[in-house]
Amino acid sequence: MKALVKQVDGLSIAGKSESNHWVMMDSTKSFGGAEAANKPMELVLIALGGCTFMDVVSILKKMRENVVDCRIELDAEKAADHPAVFTKIHLNYIVSGKDINAENVQKAIQLSMSKYCSVSAMLKKSVDITWGFEIRPS
């Protein structure tokens, strides 16, 4: 996989990879940015959520669960000193639908986090990642 990151203006930058879709990134004003887009570390957190979301929803559909809506709330802690890496990440999966089986949700999340999600596989080597879930009626 290849990617390109280029300056737009100051610390406002754009990046794209082989899928040819641009993603904007920026920094805080105190660091010289314009606060016009997500910071790179925010995108790492979003990438983790996106990766496991796709796995979990796909697995639940294969299990014939009637998922109407799904969201993941991610909460991350960063180191106080530089580099300010993530030290802990907690994911809370909220699955909505009719007659959703809790055991299937747990199994889908475990499969994603232990086998399928490549972002999780990279991060968990240095970050304490925990998760929980809620099932809500649709």
Protein backbone atom coordinates (compact mmCIF):
# COMPACT_ATOMS: atom_id res chain seq x y z
CA MET A 1 0.00 0.00 0.00
CA LYS A 2 1.21 3.47 -0.80
CA ALA A 3 0.01 6.87 0.34
CA LEU A 4 0.70 10.55 -0.25
CA VAL A 5 0.52 13.40 2.27
CA LYS A 6 0.87 16.97 1.04
CA GLN A 7 0.65 20.45 2.45
CA VAL A 8 -2.46 22.49 1.71
CA ASP A 9 -1.67 25.53 3.86
CA GLY A 10 0.54 25.69 6.93
CA LEU A 11 -0.21 22.56 8.97
CA SER A 12 -3.41 21.88 7.05
CA ILE A 13 -2.54 18.79 5.06
CA ALA A 14 -4.26 16.31 2.79
CA GLY A 15 -3.55 12.64 2.40
CA LYS A 16 -4.71 9.92 0.08
CA SER A 17 -3.87 6.29 -0.47
CA GLU A 18 -4.45 3.78 -3.24
CA SER A 19 -8.25 4.11 -3.03
CA ASN A 20 -7.68 7.70 -4.24
CA HIS A 21 -9.83 9.40 -1.56
CA TRP A 22 -8.49 12.51 0.14
CA VAL A 23 -8.54 12.95 3.93
CA MET A 24 -7.88 16.35 5.45
CA MET A 25 -5.78 16.72 8.61
CA ASP A 26 -4.83 19.71 10.71
CA SER A 27 -3.48 20.73 14.08
CA THR A 28 -4.47 23.05 16.90
CA LYS A 29 -3.99 26.79 16.55
CA SER A 30 -1.54 26.73 19.46
CA PHE A 31 0.65 24.37 17.41
CA GLY A 32 0.36 26.45 14.22
CA GLY A 33 -2.64 24.79 12.63
CA ALA A 34 -6.01 26.18 11.64
CA GLU A 35 -8.13 23.56 13.45
CA ALA A 36 -9.86 22.90 10.13
CA ALA A 37 -9.82 19.08 10.23
CA ASN A 38 -9.15 16.07 12.43
CA LYS A 39 -5.72 15.66 13.94
CA PRO A 40 -3.78 12.54 12.83
CA MET A 41 -4.21 10.80 16.21
CA GLU A 42 -7.96 11.36 15.99
CA LEU A 43 -7.91 9.59 12.64
CA VAL A 44 -6.08 6.64 14.22
CA LEU A 45 -8.90 6.34 16.77
CA ILE A 46 -11.54 6.69 14.05
CA ALA A 47 -9.71 4.06 11.97
CA LEU A 48 -9.87 1.61 14.87
CA GLY A 49 -13.59 2.21 15.22
CA GLY A 50 -14.18 1.92 11.49
CA CYS A 51 -12.19 -1.29 11.15
CA THR A 52 -13.91 -3.16 13.96
CA PHE A 53 -17.33 -1.70 13.05
CA MET A 54 -17.12 -3.22 9.56
CA ASP A 55 -16.10 -6.59 11.00
CA VAL A 56 -18.79 -6.69 13.70
CA VAL A 57 -21.68 -5.61 11.47
CA SER A 58 -20.60 -8.03 8.73
CA ILE A 59 -20.29 -10.93 11.20
CA LEU A 60 -23.67 -10.14 12.78
CA LYS A 61 -25.31 -10.10 9.33
CA LYS A 62 -23.79 -13.52 8.62
CA MET A 63 -25.27 -14.65 11.95
CA ARG A 64 -28.62 -13.38 10.62
CA GLU A 65 -28.99 -10.82 13.37
CA ASN A 66 -31.45 -8.05 12.55
CA VAL A 67 -29.12 -5.09 13.15
CA VAL A 68 -30.87 -1.80 12.42
CA ASP A 69 -28.19 0.52 13.77
CA CYS A 70 -24.71 0.23 15.23
CA ARG A 71 -22.32 2.73 16.70
CA ILE A 72 -19.10 2.56 18.63
CA GLU A 73 -18.18 5.14 21.23
CA LEU A 74 -14.41 5.22 21.67
CA ASP A 75 -12.65 6.74 24.67
CA ALA A 76 -8.87 7.03 24.58
CA GLU A 77 -6.22 8.14 27.04
CA LYS A 78 -2.87 9.50 25.87
CA ALA A 79 0.52 9.63 27.53
CA ALA A 80 1.30 12.94 29.24
CA ASP A 81 4.77 13.16 27.69
CA HIS A 82 5.90 13.09 24.07
CA PRO A 83 5.34 11.10 22.08
CA ALA A 84 1.75 11.37 23.35
CA VAL A 85 0.76 7.86 22.29
CA PHE A 86 -2.48 6.19 23.24
CA THR A 87 -2.13 4.26 26.49
CA LYS A 88 -5.72 3.04 26.86
CA ILE A 89 -8.67 2.78 24.50
CA HIS A 90 -12.14 1.63 25.47
CA LEU A 91 -14.75 0.83 22.84
CA ASN A 92 -18.44 0.67 23.67
CA TYR A 93 -20.46 -0.99 20.90
CA ILE A 94 -24.13 0.00 20.80
CA VAL A 95 -26.13 -2.40 18.66
CA SER A 96 -29.79 -1.73 17.91
CA GLY A 97 -32.26 -4.14 16.39
CA LYS A 98 -34.99 -6.62 17.08
CA ASP A 99 -34.26 -9.70 19.22
CA ILE A 100 -30.47 -9.25 19.02
CA ASN A 101 -28.66 -12.17 20.67
CA ALA A 102 -26.09 -10.90 23.20
CA GLU A 103 -23.90 -13.99 22.79
CA ASN A 104 -23.64 -13.33 19.05
CA VAL A 105 -22.70 -9.69 19.64
CA GLN A 106 -19.99 -10.73 22.09
CA LYS A 107 -18.69 -13.37 19.68
CA ALA A 108 -18.65 -10.92 16.75
CA ILE A 109 -16.68 -8.37 18.77
CA GLN A 110 -14.23 -11.01 20.02
CA LEU A 111 -13.65 -12.25 16.47
CA SER A 112 -13.02 -8.72 15.25
CA MET A 113 -10.65 -7.83 18.06
CA SER A 114 -8.73 -11.12 18.08
CA LYS A 115 -8.68 -12.13 14.42
CA TYR A 116 -9.97 -9.69 11.80
CA CYS A 117 -9.37 -6.04 12.69
CA SER A 118 -5.89 -5.14 11.47
CA VAL A 119 -5.94 -1.73 13.16
CA SER A 120 -6.69 -3.38 16.50
CA ALA A 121 -3.95 -5.94 15.91
CA MET A 122 -1.39 -3.16 15.42
CA LEU A 123 -2.54 -1.00 18.32
CA LYS A 124 -2.96 -3.71 20.93
CA LYS A 125 0.78 -4.40 20.83
CA SER A 126 1.29 -1.13 22.72
CA VAL A 127 -2.16 0.01 23.89
CA ASP A 128 -4.49 -1.47 26.51
CA ILE A 129 -7.71 -1.97 24.51
CA THR A 130 -10.92 -2.89 26.31
CA TRP A 131 -14.49 -3.10 25.13
CA GLY A 132 -18.08 -3.53 26.17
CA PHE A 133 -21.43 -3.49 24.44
CA GLU A 134 -25.06 -2.54 24.81
CA ILE A 135 -28.05 -3.89 22.95
CA ARG A 136 -30.92 -1.48 22.38
CA PRO A 137 -34.29 -2.22 20.84
CA SER A 138 -34.90 -0.60 17.48
